[in-house]
């Protein structure tokens, strides 16, 4: 089992759009890359062919996350087989099939469930995932809207809720949602997550920004 917290959180750079962006993030210090499949809204979606091309060229030791909006276990399994990532990040609630089905069909593939923090109910939702997934990722979307927000909003959420969640859940927790170099230290001190996840906070006009990446990792090292 992964440790629930680390002196320096793992860093996942999301919305990777090309092999060039992947290597930019890796060289800056990312230990994981987020590759966004078709989603109802938000930035960063690329084709499955692009996801596969990037995922199969990433060096060993760097995790590749397939961000999927599918809510059916069978569809998730088939998408992961096509995309060949090392982790599946489920952005919405699983409504058809089970996590056990996913585990059996994808041996060795990490399973991360996104929990959108809209209130204290997120704590119970995360606790209910213990023993089913490998980690949870706390984000600031809203899957209840007519056009679902499943990530990439650029908004923060109530970190006090996330902090209480981290204290109670026996799973590694990634923190996402509106993180930037100027609020990173406060976020980490408050929540104490296993990892942090960024998309908009290290981009300019939708493209990965080397200066923002450097600033983010400098802020991480400075604590």
C-alpha atoms as a PDB file:
ATOM      1  CA  UNK A   1       0.000   0.000   0.000  1.00  0.00           C
ATOM      2  CA  UNK A   2       1.270   3.501  -0.802  1.00  0.00           C
ATOM      3  CA  UNK A   3       2.107   5.810   2.099  1.00  0.00           C
ATOM      4  CA  UNK A   4      -0.732   8.210   2.813  1.00  0.00           C
ATOM      5  CA  UNK A   5       1.501  11.290   2.917  1.00  0.00           C
ATOM      6  CA  UNK A   6       5.006  12.247   1.860  1.00  0.00           C
ATOM      7  CA  UNK A   7       7.413  15.048   2.895  1.00  0.00           C
ATOM      8  CA  UNK A   8       7.084  16.402  -0.650  1.00  0.00           C
ATOM      9  CA  UNK A   9       3.873  15.489  -2.461  1.00  0.00           C
ATOM     10  CA  UNK A  10       4.002  13.635  -5.759  1.00  0.00           C
ATOM     11  CA  UNK A  11       3.221  15.928  -8.673  1.00  0.00           C
ATOM     12  CA  UNK A  12       0.863  15.055 -11.503  1.00  0.00           C
ATOM     13  CA  UNK A  13       0.765  17.451 -14.439  1.00  0.00           C
ATOM     14  CA  UNK A  14      -2.545  17.060 -16.213  1.00  0.00           C
ATOM     15  CA  UNK A  15      -3.961  17.968 -19.637  1.00  0.00           C
ATOM     16  CA  UNK A  16      -0.773  16.825 -21.394  1.00  0.00           C
ATOM     17  CA  UNK A  17      -1.364  17.387 -25.113  1.00  0.00           C
ATOM     18  CA  UNK A  18       1.813  16.130 -26.794  1.00  0.00           C
ATOM     19  CA  UNK A  19       5.011  14.179 -26.294  1.00  0.00           C
ATOM     20  CA  UNK A  20       6.822  17.520 -26.084  1.00  0.00           C
ATOM     21  CA  UNK A  21       4.627  18.607 -23.162  1.00  0.00           C
ATOM     22  CA  UNK A  22       5.105  15.214 -21.528  1.00  0.00           C
ATOM     23  CA  UNK A  23       8.876  15.558 -21.550  1.00  0.00           C
ATOM     24  CA  UNK A  24       8.681  19.176 -20.389  1.00  0.00           C
ATOM     25  CA  UNK A  25       6.692  18.050 -17.344  1.00  0.00           C
ATOM     26  CA  UNK A  26       8.966  15.073 -16.656  1.00  0.00           C
ATOM     27  CA  UNK A  27      12.134  17.165 -16.831  1.00  0.00           C
ATOM     28  CA  UNK A  28      10.593  19.694 -14.441  1.00  0.00           C
ATOM     29  CA  UNK A  29       9.979  16.935 -11.889  1.00  0.00           C
ATOM     30  CA  UNK A  30       6.530  15.431 -12.533  1.00  0.00           C
ATOM     31  CA  UNK A  31       6.074  11.825 -11.429  1.00  0.00           C
ATOM     32  CA  UNK A  32       2.740  11.440 -13.232  1.00  0.00           C
ATOM     33  CA  UNK A  33       1.050  12.763 -16.368  1.00  0.00           C
ATOM     34  CA  UNK A  34      -2.675  13.231 -16.948  1.00  0.00           C
ATOM     35  CA  UNK A  35      -4.032  12.403 -20.415  1.00  0.00           C
ATOM     36  CA  UNK A  36      -7.614  13.558 -20.909  1.00  0.00           C
ATOM     37  CA  UNK A  37     -10.011  11.527 -23.026  1.00  0.00           C
ATOM     38  CA  UNK A  38     -13.382  12.809 -24.280  1.00  0.00           C
ATOM     39  CA  UNK A  39     -15.131  14.837 -21.543  1.00  0.00           C
ATOM     40  CA  UNK A  40     -18.330  16.926 -21.426  1.00  0.00           C
ATOM     41  CA  UNK A  41     -16.450  20.157 -20.663  1.00  0.00           C
ATOM     42  CA  UNK A  42     -13.088  21.533 -19.622  1.00  0.00           C
ATOM     43  CA  UNK A  43      -9.617  21.777 -21.141  1.00  0.00           C
ATOM     44  CA  UNK A  44      -7.075  19.290 -22.345  1.00  0.00           C
ATOM     45  CA  UNK A  45      -9.039  16.577 -24.143  1.00  0.00           C
ATOM     46  CA  UNK A  46      -7.081  14.748 -26.839  1.00  0.00           C
ATOM     47  CA  UNK A  47      -7.830  11.740 -29.002  1.00  0.00           C
ATOM     48  CA  UNK A  48      -7.276   8.181 -27.837  1.00  0.00           C
ATOM     49  CA  UNK A  49      -4.645   7.818 -30.544  1.00  0.00           C
ATOM     50  CA  UNK A  50      -2.745  10.780 -29.081  1.00  0.00           C
ATOM     51  CA  UNK A  51      -3.063   9.355 -25.575  1.00  0.00           C
ATOM     52  CA  UNK A  52      -1.627   6.024 -26.712  1.00  0.00           C
ATOM     53  CA  UNK A  53       1.251   7.694 -28.540  1.00  0.00           C
ATOM     54  CA  UNK A  54       2.241   9.658 -25.438  1.00  0.00           C
ATOM     55  CA  UNK A  55       1.660   6.854 -22.911  1.00  0.00           C
ATOM     56  CA  UNK A  56       3.801   4.360 -24.829  1.00  0.00           C
ATOM     57  CA  UNK A  57       6.757   6.769 -25.002  1.00  0.00           C
ATOM     58  CA  UNK A  58       6.916   7.778 -21.340  1.00  0.00           C
ATOM     59  CA  UNK A  59       9.892   6.311 -19.435  1.00  0.00           C
ATOM     60  CA  UNK A  60       9.425   3.700 -16.717  1.00  0.00           C
ATOM     61  CA  UNK A  61       8.692   5.213 -13.329  1.00  0.00           C
ATOM     62  CA  UNK A  62       6.439   7.977 -14.654  1.00  0.00           C
ATOM     63  CA  UNK A  63       2.748   7.132 -14.246  1.00  0.00           C
ATOM     64  CA  UNK A  64       0.356   7.852 -17.094  1.00  0.00           C
ATOM     65  CA  UNK A  65      -3.234   8.575 -16.064  1.00  0.00           C
ATOM     66  CA  UNK A  66      -6.097   8.074 -18.519  1.00  0.00           C
ATOM     67  CA  UNK A  67      -8.821  10.522 -17.490  1.00  0.00           C
ATOM     68  CA  UNK A  68     -12.096   8.886 -18.453  1.00  0.00           C
ATOM     69  CA  UNK A  69     -15.648  10.205 -18.213  1.00  0.00           C
ATOM     70  CA  UNK A  70     -17.154   6.749 -18.811  1.00  0.00           C
ATOM     71  CA  UNK A  71     -19.417   5.472 -16.043  1.00  0.00           C
ATOM     72  CA  UNK A  72     -19.574   1.886 -17.289  1.00  0.00           C
ATOM     73  CA  UNK A  73     -16.873  -0.547 -16.180  1.00  0.00           C
ATOM     74  CA  UNK A  74     -16.812  -2.323 -19.531  1.00  0.00           C
ATOM     75  CA  UNK A  75     -16.318   0.918 -21.444  1.00  0.00           C
ATOM     76  CA  UNK A  76     -13.503   1.959 -19.087  1.00  0.00           C
ATOM     77  CA  UNK A  77     -11.756  -1.379 -19.545  1.00  0.00           C
ATOM     78  CA  UNK A  78     -11.928  -1.163 -23.328  1.00  0.00           C
ATOM     79  CA  UNK A  79     -10.714   2.445 -23.342  1.00  0.00           C
ATOM     80  CA  UNK A  80      -7.719   1.600 -21.161  1.00  0.00           C
ATOM     81  CA  UNK A  81      -6.804  -1.313 -23.422  1.00  0.00           C
ATOM     82  CA  UNK A  82      -6.771   1.041 -26.395  1.00  0.00           C
ATOM     83  CA  UNK A  83      -4.864   3.813 -24.612  1.00  0.00           C
ATOM     84  CA  UNK A  84      -2.374   1.612 -22.696  1.00  0.00           C
ATOM     85  CA  UNK A  85      -1.876   3.909 -19.713  1.00  0.00           C
ATOM     86  CA  UNK A  86      -0.618   2.692 -16.346  1.00  0.00           C
ATOM     87  CA  UNK A  87      -3.471   4.278 -14.361  1.00  0.00           C
ATOM     88  CA  UNK A  88      -7.158   4.961 -14.956  1.00  0.00           C
ATOM     89  CA  UNK A  89      -8.640   8.070 -13.348  1.00  0.00           C
ATOM     90  CA  UNK A  90     -12.432   7.835 -13.230  1.00  0.00           C
ATOM     91  CA  UNK A  91     -13.872  11.348 -13.363  1.00  0.00           C
ATOM     92  CA  UNK A  92     -17.520  10.506 -12.679  1.00  0.00           C
ATOM     93  CA  UNK A  93     -19.327   8.001 -10.460  1.00  0.00           C
ATOM     94  CA  UNK A  94     -19.273   4.380 -11.584  1.00  0.00           C
ATOM     95  CA  UNK A  95     -22.910   3.455 -12.284  1.00  0.00           C
ATOM     96  CA  UNK A  96     -22.584   0.207 -14.258  1.00  0.00           C
ATOM     97  CA  UNK A  97     -20.233  -2.581 -13.268  1.00  0.00           C
ATOM     98  CA  UNK A  98     -17.928  -2.696 -10.259  1.00  0.00           C
ATOM     99  CA  UNK A  99     -14.425  -1.762  -9.181  1.00  0.00           C
ATOM    100  CA  UNK A 100     -13.798  -5.482  -8.700  1.00  0.00           C
ATOM    101  CA  UNK A 101     -14.611  -5.983 -12.376  1.00  0.00           C
ATOM    102  CA  UNK A 102     -12.132  -3.259 -13.298  1.00  0.00           C
ATOM    103  CA  UNK A 103      -9.432  -4.794 -11.104  1.00  0.00           C
ATOM    104  CA  UNK A 104      -9.890  -8.263 -12.564  1.00  0.00           C
ATOM    105  CA  UNK A 105      -9.826  -7.033 -16.160  1.00  0.00           C
ATOM    106  CA  UNK A 106      -6.889  -4.619 -15.716  1.00  0.00           C
ATOM    107  CA  UNK A 107      -4.263  -6.394 -13.584  1.00  0.00           C
ATOM    108  CA  UNK A 108      -1.432  -4.084 -12.652  1.00  0.00           C
ATOM    109  CA  UNK A 109      -3.313  -0.935 -13.700  1.00  0.00           C
ATOM    110  CA  UNK A 110      -3.868   1.676 -10.985  1.00  0.00           C
ATOM    111  CA  UNK A 111      -7.421   2.830 -10.310  1.00  0.00           C
ATOM    112  CA  UNK A 112      -7.994   6.380  -9.062  1.00  0.00           C
ATOM    113  CA  UNK A 113     -11.464   7.758  -8.405  1.00  0.00           C
ATOM    114  CA  UNK A 114     -12.138  11.496  -8.589  1.00  0.00           C
ATOM    115  CA  UNK A 115     -14.248  12.926  -5.773  1.00  0.00           C
ATOM    116  CA  UNK A 116     -15.633  16.393  -6.422  1.00  0.00           C
ATOM    117  CA  UNK A 117     -15.594  18.333  -3.158  1.00  0.00           C
ATOM    118  CA  UNK A 118     -18.885  20.229  -2.982  1.00  0.00           C
ATOM    119  CA  UNK A 119     -19.566  19.624   0.707  1.00  0.00           C
ATOM    120  CA  UNK A 120     -18.936  17.320   3.654  1.00  0.00           C
ATOM    121  CA  UNK A 121     -20.561  14.429   1.779  1.00  0.00           C
ATOM    122  CA  UNK A 122     -17.263  14.090  -0.094  1.00  0.00           C
ATOM    123  CA  UNK A 123     -15.735  12.618   3.076  1.00  0.00           C
ATOM    124  CA  UNK A 124     -18.202   9.735   3.219  1.00  0.00           C
ATOM    125  CA  UNK A 125     -17.851   9.210  -0.536  1.00  0.00           C
ATOM    126  CA  UNK A 126     -14.084   8.859  -0.196  1.00  0.00           C
ATOM    127  CA  UNK A 127     -14.371   6.511   2.791  1.00  0.00           C
ATOM    128  CA  UNK A 128     -16.742   4.299   0.798  1.00  0.00           C
ATOM    129  CA  UNK A 129     -13.971   3.796  -1.783  1.00  0.00           C
ATOM    130  CA  UNK A 130     -11.541   2.173   0.660  1.00  0.00           C
ATOM    131  CA  UNK A 131     -10.591  -1.288  -0.525  1.00  0.00           C
ATOM    132  CA  UNK A 132     -11.953  -0.589  -4.003  1.00  0.00           C
ATOM    133  CA  UNK A 133      -9.470   1.876  -5.551  1.00  0.00           C
ATOM    134  CA  UNK A 134      -5.786   2.707  -5.169  1.00  0.00           C
ATOM    135  CA  UNK A 135      -6.223   6.427  -4.514  1.00  0.00           C
ATOM    136  CA  UNK A 136      -8.732   9.256  -4.643  1.00  0.00           C
ATOM    137  CA  UNK A 137      -8.308  12.601  -6.348  1.00  0.00           C
ATOM    138  CA  UNK A 138     -10.103  15.610  -4.881  1.00  0.00           C
ATOM    139  CA  UNK A 139     -11.266  18.084  -7.501  1.00  0.00           C
ATOM    140  CA  UNK A 140     -13.538  21.103  -7.842  1.00  0.00           C
ATOM    141  CA  UNK A 141     -15.979  19.953 -10.509  1.00  0.00           C
ATOM    142  CA  UNK A 142     -19.729  19.486 -10.370  1.00  0.00           C
ATOM    143  CA  UNK A 143     -21.059  16.306 -11.994  1.00  0.00           C
ATOM    144  CA  UNK A 144     -24.650  17.342 -11.184  1.00  0.00           C
ATOM    145  CA  UNK A 145     -24.809  20.177 -13.729  1.00  0.00           C
ATOM    146  CA  UNK A 146     -26.657  19.723 -17.060  1.00  0.00           C
ATOM    147  CA  UNK A 147     -23.221  19.914 -18.724  1.00  0.00           C
ATOM    148  CA  UNK A 148     -21.054  18.098 -16.228  1.00  0.00           C
ATOM    149  CA  UNK A 149     -17.885  19.677 -14.850  1.00  0.00           C
ATOM    150  CA  UNK A 150     -15.499  16.796 -14.279  1.00  0.00           C
ATOM    151  CA  UNK A 151     -12.257  18.746 -13.818  1.00  0.00           C
ATOM    152  CA  UNK A 152     -10.122  21.495 -15.248  1.00  0.00           C
ATOM    153  CA  UNK A 153     -12.271  24.249 -13.728  1.00  0.00           C
ATOM    154  CA  UNK A 154      -9.334  26.236 -12.379  1.00  0.00           C
ATOM    155  CA  UNK A 155     -11.292  26.699  -9.130  1.00  0.00           C
ATOM    156  CA  UNK A 156     -10.231  25.796  -5.630  1.00  0.00           C
ATOM    157  CA  UNK A 157     -12.645  24.114  -3.233  1.00  0.00           C
ATOM    158  CA  UNK A 158     -12.919  24.114   0.554  1.00  0.00           C
ATOM    159  CA  UNK A 159      -9.552  22.763   1.641  1.00  0.00           C
ATOM    160  CA  UNK A 160     -10.779  22.351   5.211  1.00  0.00           C
ATOM    161  CA  UNK A 161     -13.122  19.628   3.973  1.00  0.00           C
ATOM    162  CA  UNK A 162     -10.255  18.044   2.061  1.00  0.00           C
ATOM    163  CA  UNK A 163      -8.073  18.168   5.175  1.00  0.00           C
ATOM    164  CA  UNK A 164     -10.702  16.343   7.252  1.00  0.00           C
ATOM    165  CA  UNK A 165     -11.068  13.828   4.430  1.00  0.00           C
ATOM    166  CA  UNK A 166      -7.321  13.145   4.379  1.00  0.00           C
ATOM    167  CA  UNK A 167      -7.347  12.574   8.125  1.00  0.00           C
ATOM    168  CA  UNK A 168     -10.120   9.988   7.910  1.00  0.00           C
ATOM    169  CA  UNK A 169      -9.642   8.078   4.669  1.00  0.00           C
ATOM    170  CA  UNK A 170      -7.173   5.195   4.449  1.00  0.00           C
ATOM    171  CA  UNK A 171      -6.164   5.911   0.868  1.00  0.00           C
ATOM    172  CA  UNK A 172      -3.560   8.120  -0.780  1.00  0.00           C
ATOM    173  CA  UNK A 173      -5.165  11.433  -1.752  1.00  0.00           C
ATOM    174  CA  UNK A 174      -4.278  13.681  -4.675  1.00  0.00           C
ATOM    175  CA  UNK A 175      -5.386  17.314  -4.384  1.00  0.00           C
ATOM    176  CA  UNK A 176      -6.508  19.129  -7.533  1.00  0.00           C
ATOM    177  CA  UNK A 177      -8.487  22.238  -8.329  1.00  0.00           C
ATOM    178  CA  UNK A 178      -7.069  25.715  -8.847  1.00  0.00           C
ATOM    179  CA  UNK A 179      -3.549  24.997  -7.564  1.00  0.00           C
ATOM    180  CA  UNK A 180      -0.829  27.512  -8.506  1.00  0.00           C
ATOM    181  CA  UNK A 181       2.642  28.378  -7.297  1.00  0.00           C
ATOM    182  CA  UNK A 182       1.222  31.172  -5.125  1.00  0.00           C
ATOM    183  CA  UNK A 183      -1.271  29.000  -3.205  1.00  0.00           C
ATOM    184  CA  UNK A 184       0.591  25.690  -3.222  1.00  0.00           C
ATOM    185  CA  UNK A 185       2.259  26.032   0.192  1.00  0.00           C
ATOM    186  CA  UNK A 186      -1.051  26.861   1.882  1.00  0.00           C
ATOM    187  CA  UNK A 187      -2.788  23.965   0.125  1.00  0.00           C
ATOM    188  CA  UNK A 188      -0.147  21.449   1.197  1.00  0.00           C
ATOM    189  CA  UNK A 189       0.019  22.707   4.798  1.00  0.00           C
ATOM    190  CA  UNK A 190      -3.768  22.599   5.060  1.00  0.00           C
ATOM    191  CA  UNK A 191      -4.577  19.310   3.334  1.00  0.00           C
ATOM    192  CA  UNK A 192      -1.321  17.321   3.565  1.00  0.00           C
ATOM    193  CA  UNK A 193      -2.077  15.296   0.432  1.00  0.00           C
ATOM    194  CA  UNK A 194      -0.095  12.393  -0.988  1.00  0.00           C
ATOM    195  CA  UNK A 195       0.056  14.225  -4.328  1.00  0.00           C
ATOM    196  CA  UNK A 196      -0.985  17.388  -6.118  1.00  0.00           C
ATOM    197  CA  UNK A 197      -2.470  17.735  -9.590  1.00  0.00           C
ATOM    198  CA  UNK A 198      -2.271  20.767 -11.882  1.00  0.00           C
ATOM    199  CA  UNK A 199      -3.617  21.736 -15.277  1.00  0.00           C
ATOM    200  CA  UNK A 200      -4.485  25.428 -15.668  1.00  0.00           C
ATOM    201  CA  UNK A 201      -2.010  26.587 -13.024  1.00  0.00           C
ATOM    202  CA  UNK A 202       1.013  25.760 -15.191  1.00  0.00           C
ATOM    203  CA  UNK A 203      -0.426  26.846 -18.556  1.00  0.00           C
ATOM    204  CA  UNK A 204      -0.633  30.023 -20.608  1.00  0.00           C
ATOM    205  CA  UNK A 205      -3.238  30.193 -23.367  1.00  0.00           C
ATOM    206  CA  UNK A 206      -3.795  26.478 -22.916  1.00  0.00           C
ATOM    207  CA  UNK A 207      -0.153  25.504 -23.465  1.00  0.00           C
ATOM    208  CA  UNK A 208       2.234  24.174 -20.873  1.00  0.00           C
ATOM    209  CA  UNK A 209       4.377  27.119 -19.734  1.00  0.00           C
ATOM    210  CA  UNK A 210       8.013  26.325 -18.809  1.00  0.00           C
ATOM    211  CA  UNK A 211       8.280  29.413 -16.584  1.00  0.00           C
ATOM    212  CA  UNK A 212       5.121  28.501 -14.645  1.00  0.00           C
ATOM    213  CA  UNK A 213       6.340  24.913 -14.314  1.00  0.00           C
ATOM    214  CA  UNK A 214       9.658  26.122 -12.936  1.00  0.00           C
ATOM    215  CA  UNK A 215       7.876  28.484 -10.549  1.00  0.00           C
ATOM    216  CA  UNK A 216       5.605  25.734  -9.310  1.00  0.00           C
ATOM    217  CA  UNK A 217       8.407  23.287  -8.552  1.00  0.00           C
ATOM    218  CA  UNK A 218      10.419  26.066  -6.919  1.00  0.00           C
ATOM    219  CA  UNK A 219       7.435  26.798  -4.655  1.00  0.00           C
ATOM    220  CA  UNK A 220       7.137  23.080  -3.887  1.00  0.00           C
ATOM    221  CA  UNK A 221      10.782  22.833  -2.859  1.00  0.00           C
ATOM    222  CA  UNK A 222      10.544  26.011  -0.800  1.00  0.00           C
ATOM    223  CA  UNK A 223       7.595  24.598   1.103  1.00  0.00           C
END
